[in-house]
Amino acid sequence: MGGALIIVAIMVSTLLWTDLRNRFVWITLGVTAGFGVIGLCDDYLKLVIGNSRGMTARWKYFWQSVLGLSAAVLLYRTAHVPAETDFFVPFIKTISVPLGRPDSSRWPIS
């Protein structure tokens, strides 16, 4: 229940005090809610069903990977400028590796 309280506090404060036109806010909220649902399912199995192990690690990692990859694909598909799809090498400001150039005619999502 502590996780639910924290997630609700994050969601409410984010919805009250951020720019809701920013797509990064919505993707972050979606991933946060998704991870909360995974935790809820795990707790439900432990507390209500009585399975002391809860959700197996294989399924937790699977659903977390699905959420993470979905967010990555969505970020890639909604990129407006090439710099949004570049990989910037940590600790070295001048090196970036282009992972693909967004083309507005190729992607229907803007």
C-alpha atoms as a PDB file:
ATOM      1  CA  MET A   1       0.000   0.000   0.000  1.00  0.00           C
ATOM      2  CA  GLY A   2       2.960   2.342   0.455  1.00  0.00           C
ATOM      3  CA  GLY A   3       3.726   2.038  -3.249  1.00  0.00           C
ATOM      4  CA  ALA A   4       0.158   2.987  -4.142  1.00  0.00           C
ATOM      5  CA  LEU A   5       0.368   6.064  -1.937  1.00  0.00           C
ATOM      6  CA  ILE A   6       3.634   7.150  -3.536  1.00  0.00           C
ATOM      7  CA  ILE A   7       2.336   6.587  -7.081  1.00  0.00           C
ATOM      8  CA  VAL A   8      -0.870   8.522  -6.387  1.00  0.00           C
ATOM      9  CA  ALA A   9       1.177  11.387  -4.913  1.00  0.00           C
ATOM     10  CA  ILE A  10       3.448  11.430  -7.971  1.00  0.00           C
ATOM     11  CA  MET A  11       0.493  11.342 -10.373  1.00  0.00           C
ATOM     12  CA  VAL A  12      -1.481  14.091  -8.621  1.00  0.00           C
ATOM     13  CA  SER A  13       1.478  16.435  -8.203  1.00  0.00           C
ATOM     14  CA  THR A  14       2.586  15.861 -11.794  1.00  0.00           C
ATOM     15  CA  LEU A  15      -0.880  16.532 -13.174  1.00  0.00           C
ATOM     16  CA  LEU A  16      -1.183  19.697 -11.083  1.00  0.00           C
ATOM     17  CA  TRP A  17       2.187  21.321 -11.716  1.00  0.00           C
ATOM     18  CA  THR A  18       3.580  20.263 -15.093  1.00  0.00           C
ATOM     19  CA  ASP A  19       3.057  21.283 -18.676  1.00  0.00           C
ATOM     20  CA  LEU A  20       0.497  18.725 -19.837  1.00  0.00           C
ATOM     21  CA  ARG A  21       1.223  19.504 -23.492  1.00  0.00           C
ATOM     22  CA  ASN A  22       4.657  17.882 -23.139  1.00  0.00           C
ATOM     23  CA  ARG A  23       4.682  14.318 -24.473  1.00  0.00           C
ATOM     24  CA  PHE A  24       7.535  13.308 -22.169  1.00  0.00           C
ATOM     25  CA  VAL A  25       5.295  13.951 -19.155  1.00  0.00           C
ATOM     26  CA  TRP A  26       2.584  11.628 -20.490  1.00  0.00           C
ATOM     27  CA  ILE A  27       5.014   8.864 -21.437  1.00  0.00           C
ATOM     28  CA  THR A  28       6.635   9.054 -17.998  1.00  0.00           C
ATOM     29  CA  LEU A  29       3.251   8.971 -16.268  1.00  0.00           C
ATOM     30  CA  GLY A  30       2.218   5.988 -18.378  1.00  0.00           C
ATOM     31  CA  VAL A  31       5.345   4.019 -17.534  1.00  0.00           C
ATOM     32  CA  THR A  32       5.010   4.921 -13.846  1.00  0.00           C
ATOM     33  CA  ALA A  33       1.382   3.785 -13.812  1.00  0.00           C
ATOM     34  CA  GLY A  34       2.321   0.599 -15.662  1.00  0.00           C
ATOM     35  CA  PHE A  35       4.985  -0.284 -13.132  1.00  0.00           C
ATOM     36  CA  GLY A  36       2.450   0.460 -10.397  1.00  0.00           C
ATOM     37  CA  VAL A  37       0.023  -2.007 -11.986  1.00  0.00           C
ATOM     38  CA  ILE A  38       2.748  -4.660 -12.061  1.00  0.00           C
ATOM     39  CA  GLY A  39       3.364  -4.080  -8.342  1.00  0.00           C
ATOM     40  CA  LEU A  40      -0.375  -4.182  -7.679  1.00  0.00           C
ATOM     41  CA  CYS A  41      -0.688  -7.553  -9.425  1.00  0.00           C
ATOM     42  CA  ASP A  42       2.248  -8.898  -7.420  1.00  0.00           C
ATOM     43  CA  ASP A  43       0.735  -7.702  -4.137  1.00  0.00           C
ATOM     44  CA  TYR A  44      -2.689  -9.044  -5.125  1.00  0.00           C
ATOM     45  CA  LEU A  45      -1.233 -12.510  -5.693  1.00  0.00           C
ATOM     46  CA  LYS A  46       0.530 -12.365  -2.336  1.00  0.00           C
ATOM     47  CA  LEU A  47      -2.257 -10.954  -0.183  1.00  0.00           C
ATOM     48  CA  VAL A  48      -5.566 -12.007  -1.733  1.00  0.00           C
ATOM     49  CA  ILE A  49      -4.754 -15.224  -3.559  1.00  0.00           C
ATOM     50  CA  GLY A  50      -2.349 -16.390  -0.852  1.00  0.00           C
ATOM     51  CA  ASN A  51       0.580 -17.169  -3.127  1.00  0.00           C
ATOM     52  CA  SER A  52       3.525 -16.263  -0.896  1.00  0.00           C
ATOM     53  CA  ARG A  53       5.867 -15.954  -3.882  1.00  0.00           C
ATOM     54  CA  GLY A  54       3.675 -13.496  -5.759  1.00  0.00           C
ATOM     55  CA  MET A  55       4.396 -12.930  -9.421  1.00  0.00           C
ATOM     56  CA  THR A  56       7.416 -14.825 -10.689  1.00  0.00           C
ATOM     57  CA  ALA A  57      10.484 -12.829 -11.671  1.00  0.00           C
ATOM     58  CA  ARG A  58      10.145 -13.994 -15.278  1.00  0.00           C
ATOM     59  CA  TRP A  59       6.734 -12.353 -15.650  1.00  0.00           C
ATOM     60  CA  LYS A  60       7.766  -9.210 -13.784  1.00  0.00           C
ATOM     61  CA  TYR A  61      10.763  -8.721 -16.069  1.00  0.00           C
ATOM     62  CA  PHE A  62       8.670  -9.540 -19.118  1.00  0.00           C
ATOM     63  CA  TRP A  63       6.035  -6.891 -18.392  1.00  0.00           C
ATOM     64  CA  GLN A  64       8.642  -4.342 -17.324  1.00  0.00           C
ATOM     65  CA  SER A  65      10.472  -4.954 -20.596  1.00  0.00           C
ATOM     66  CA  VAL A  66       7.231  -4.567 -22.567  1.00  0.00           C
ATOM     67  CA  LEU A  67       6.600  -1.210 -20.863  1.00  0.00           C
ATOM     68  CA  GLY A  68      10.154  -0.004 -21.359  1.00  0.00           C
ATOM     69  CA  LEU A  69      10.312  -1.009 -25.019  1.00  0.00           C
ATOM     70  CA  SER A  70       6.887   0.506 -25.666  1.00  0.00           C
ATOM     71  CA  ALA A  71       8.057   3.798 -24.182  1.00  0.00           C
ATOM     72  CA  ALA A  72      11.246   3.685 -26.267  1.00  0.00           C
ATOM     73  CA  VAL A  73       9.321   3.025 -29.495  1.00  0.00           C
ATOM     74  CA  LEU A  74       6.835   5.767 -28.684  1.00  0.00           C
ATOM     75  CA  LEU A  75       9.645   8.245 -27.973  1.00  0.00           C
ATOM     76  CA  TYR A  76      11.352   7.300 -31.229  1.00  0.00           C
ATOM     77  CA  ARG A  77       8.181   7.583 -33.286  1.00  0.00           C
ATOM     78  CA  THR A  78       7.251  10.968 -31.846  1.00  0.00           C
ATOM     79  CA  ALA A  79      10.709  12.534 -32.277  1.00  0.00           C
ATOM     80  CA  HIS A  80      10.594  15.904 -34.031  1.00  0.00           C
ATOM     81  CA  VAL A  81      14.279  16.667 -34.533  1.00  0.00           C
ATOM     82  CA  PRO A  82      17.254  14.372 -35.172  1.00  0.00           C
ATOM     83  CA  ALA A  83      18.859  15.264 -31.819  1.00  0.00           C
ATOM     84  CA  GLU A  84      15.997  13.472 -30.028  1.00  0.00           C
ATOM     85  CA  THR A  85      17.098  10.143 -31.504  1.00  0.00           C
ATOM     86  CA  ASP A  86      20.853  10.547 -30.954  1.00  0.00           C
ATOM     87  CA  PHE A  87      22.784   8.610 -28.334  1.00  0.00           C
ATOM     88  CA  PHE A  88      25.006  11.016 -26.417  1.00  0.00           C
ATOM     89  CA  VAL A  89      28.034   9.282 -24.941  1.00  0.00           C
ATOM     90  CA  PRO A  90      28.079   9.829 -21.166  1.00  0.00           C
ATOM     91  CA  PHE A  91      30.807  12.108 -19.777  1.00  0.00           C
ATOM     92  CA  ILE A  92      31.905  13.148 -23.307  1.00  0.00           C
ATOM     93  CA  LYS A  93      29.850  16.094 -24.559  1.00  0.00           C
ATOM     94  CA  THR A  94      31.049  16.144 -28.137  1.00  0.00           C
ATOM     95  CA  ILE A  95      30.334  12.557 -29.181  1.00  0.00           C
ATOM     96  CA  SER A  96      26.863  11.527 -30.270  1.00  0.00           C
ATOM     97  CA  VAL A  97      25.803   8.496 -32.263  1.00  0.00           C
ATOM     98  CA  PRO A  98      22.778   9.005 -34.521  1.00  0.00           C
ATOM     99  CA  LEU A  99      20.285   6.182 -34.075  1.00  0.00           C
ATOM    100  CA  GLY A 100      18.007   7.340 -36.875  1.00  0.00           C
ATOM    101  CA  ARG A 101      16.637  10.508 -38.332  1.00  0.00           C
ATOM    102  CA  PRO A 102      12.954  11.198 -37.784  1.00  0.00           C
ATOM    103  CA  ASP A 103      11.109  11.802 -41.022  1.00  0.00           C
ATOM    104  CA  SER A 104       7.736  13.496 -40.673  1.00  0.00           C
ATOM    105  CA  SER A 105       6.382  11.830 -43.819  1.00  0.00           C
ATOM    106  CA  ARG A 106       7.316   8.370 -42.531  1.00  0.00           C
ATOM    107  CA  TRP A 107       5.633   8.564 -39.128  1.00  0.00           C
ATOM    108  CA  PRO A 108       1.957   9.483 -38.830  1.00  0.00           C
ATOM    109  CA  ILE A 109       2.282  10.439 -35.156  1.00  0.00           C
ATOM    110  CA  SER A 110       3.369  14.016 -34.506  1.00  0.00           C
END
